[in-house]
Amino acid sequence: MAQQDEFDQLIGSKGLRIARFAFFRDVDVFLLILSNRRIISRPLSAYPSLVSATDIQLTNYTISDSGIHWPLLDVDLSLRGFLMEDAVMGLRAENSRLAA
């Protein structure tokens, strides 16, 4: 069994998972609502496979413990990846604030 890092431990210990997915083309955003009520947002345009998909393709998804899968698009995005991105964005924002 591979050793878990802090992100894996956080996901496991808190029982985090994606509870729901929603997208809004008119404002170029999609939302992931987590089991702890936290909301993660990303620009839809940052994911070429998703932005070019039809609404039917986007609404046809499955959620697993590790992330979200669009079978009609053969696209998978992981919860771990979203949490890592948030951590990096938070560090960059903090560094910018400290440098100002």
Protein backbone atom coordinates (compact mmCIF):
# COMPACT_ATOMS: atom_id res chain seq x y z
CA MET A 1 0.00 0.00 0.00
CA ALA A 2 1.39 3.41 -0.99
CA GLN A 3 2.09 5.89 1.76
CA GLN A 4 -0.51 8.60 2.06
CA ASP A 5 0.45 12.26 1.97
CA GLU A 6 -1.34 15.09 3.78
CA PHE A 7 -3.97 15.48 1.04
CA ASP A 8 -4.84 11.78 1.10
CA GLN A 9 -4.97 11.85 4.91
CA LEU A 10 -7.23 14.91 4.89
CA ILE A 11 -9.61 13.34 2.38
CA GLY A 12 -9.71 10.06 4.30
CA SER A 13 -9.93 11.41 7.84
CA LYS A 14 -12.62 13.96 7.00
CA GLY A 15 -14.49 11.63 4.67
CA LEU A 16 -14.30 14.32 1.99
CA ARG A 17 -15.87 13.66 -1.34
CA ILE A 18 -17.54 15.56 -4.12
CA ALA A 19 -21.25 15.66 -3.38
CA ARG A 20 -22.47 17.61 -6.38
CA PHE A 21 -21.37 19.24 -9.62
CA ALA A 22 -22.96 22.27 -11.30
CA PHE A 23 -21.92 24.38 -14.25
CA PHE A 24 -22.88 27.83 -15.52
CA ARG A 25 -21.70 28.52 -19.06
CA ASP A 26 -22.90 32.13 -19.03
CA VAL A 27 -20.39 33.01 -16.30
CA ASP A 28 -17.73 30.44 -17.29
CA VAL A 29 -17.69 28.54 -14.03
CA PHE A 30 -18.29 25.13 -12.58
CA LEU A 31 -18.80 24.32 -8.94
CA LEU A 32 -17.97 21.26 -6.94
CA ILE A 33 -19.86 21.02 -3.68
CA LEU A 34 -18.02 18.85 -1.19
CA SER A 35 -19.47 16.65 1.51
CA ASN A 36 -18.38 19.20 4.15
CA ARG A 37 -20.36 21.95 2.31
CA ARG A 38 -17.21 23.59 0.96
CA ILE A 39 -17.52 24.87 -2.59
CA ILE A 40 -14.68 24.68 -5.10
CA SER A 41 -15.07 26.79 -8.22
CA ARG A 42 -13.09 26.73 -11.42
CA PRO A 43 -13.43 28.39 -14.82
CA LEU A 44 -15.09 25.98 -17.21
CA SER A 45 -12.79 27.36 -19.92
CA ALA A 46 -9.75 26.03 -18.02
CA TYR A 47 -10.81 22.51 -18.99
CA PRO A 48 -10.99 22.20 -22.79
CA SER A 49 -12.79 18.83 -22.68
CA LEU A 50 -15.50 20.27 -20.47
CA VAL A 51 -15.96 23.63 -22.18
CA SER A 52 -16.42 21.97 -25.56
CA ALA A 53 -18.85 19.37 -24.19
CA THR A 54 -22.61 19.58 -24.63
CA ASP A 55 -24.85 20.20 -21.64
CA ILE A 56 -26.02 16.58 -21.86
CA GLN A 57 -22.42 15.35 -21.71
CA LEU A 58 -21.66 17.59 -18.74
CA THR A 59 -24.71 16.53 -16.76
CA ASN A 60 -23.89 12.85 -17.30
CA TYR A 61 -21.25 12.32 -14.60
CA THR A 62 -20.48 9.90 -11.79
CA ILE A 63 -18.87 10.67 -8.47
CA SER A 64 -16.50 8.29 -6.73
CA ASP A 65 -14.43 8.57 -3.58
CA SER A 66 -11.52 9.86 -5.65
CA GLY A 67 -13.27 12.41 -7.87
CA ILE A 68 -15.68 12.93 -10.72
CA HIS A 69 -15.94 11.12 -14.06
CA TRP A 70 -17.73 12.04 -17.29
CA PRO A 71 -18.19 8.72 -19.14
CA LEU A 72 -19.39 10.30 -22.38
CA LEU A 73 -16.25 12.46 -22.45
CA ASP A 74 -13.83 9.95 -20.92
CA VAL A 75 -12.66 12.68 -18.53
CA ASP A 76 -11.72 12.25 -14.87
CA LEU A 77 -10.87 14.97 -12.37
CA SER A 78 -9.68 14.13 -8.88
CA LEU A 79 -10.69 15.69 -5.60
CA ARG A 80 -7.05 15.44 -4.55
CA GLY A 81 -6.04 17.54 -7.55
CA PHE A 82 -8.59 20.25 -6.73
CA LEU A 83 -7.43 20.40 -3.10
CA MET A 84 -3.80 20.62 -4.20
CA GLU A 85 -4.64 23.46 -6.60
CA ASP A 86 -6.44 25.31 -3.80
CA ALA A 87 -3.43 24.92 -1.52
CA VAL A 88 -1.06 26.28 -4.19
CA MET A 89 -3.40 29.20 -4.96
CA GLY A 90 -3.61 29.97 -1.23
CA LEU A 91 0.17 29.98 -0.88
CA ARG A 92 0.55 32.27 -3.90
CA ALA A 93 -2.04 34.68 -2.51
CA GLU A 94 -0.32 34.69 0.88
CA ASN A 95 3.09 35.32 -0.71
CA SER A 96 1.65 38.19 -2.76
CA ARG A 97 0.07 39.68 0.34
CA LEU A 98 3.32 39.45 2.28
CA ALA A 99 5.34 40.94 -0.58
CA ALA A 100 3.06 43.99 -0.82
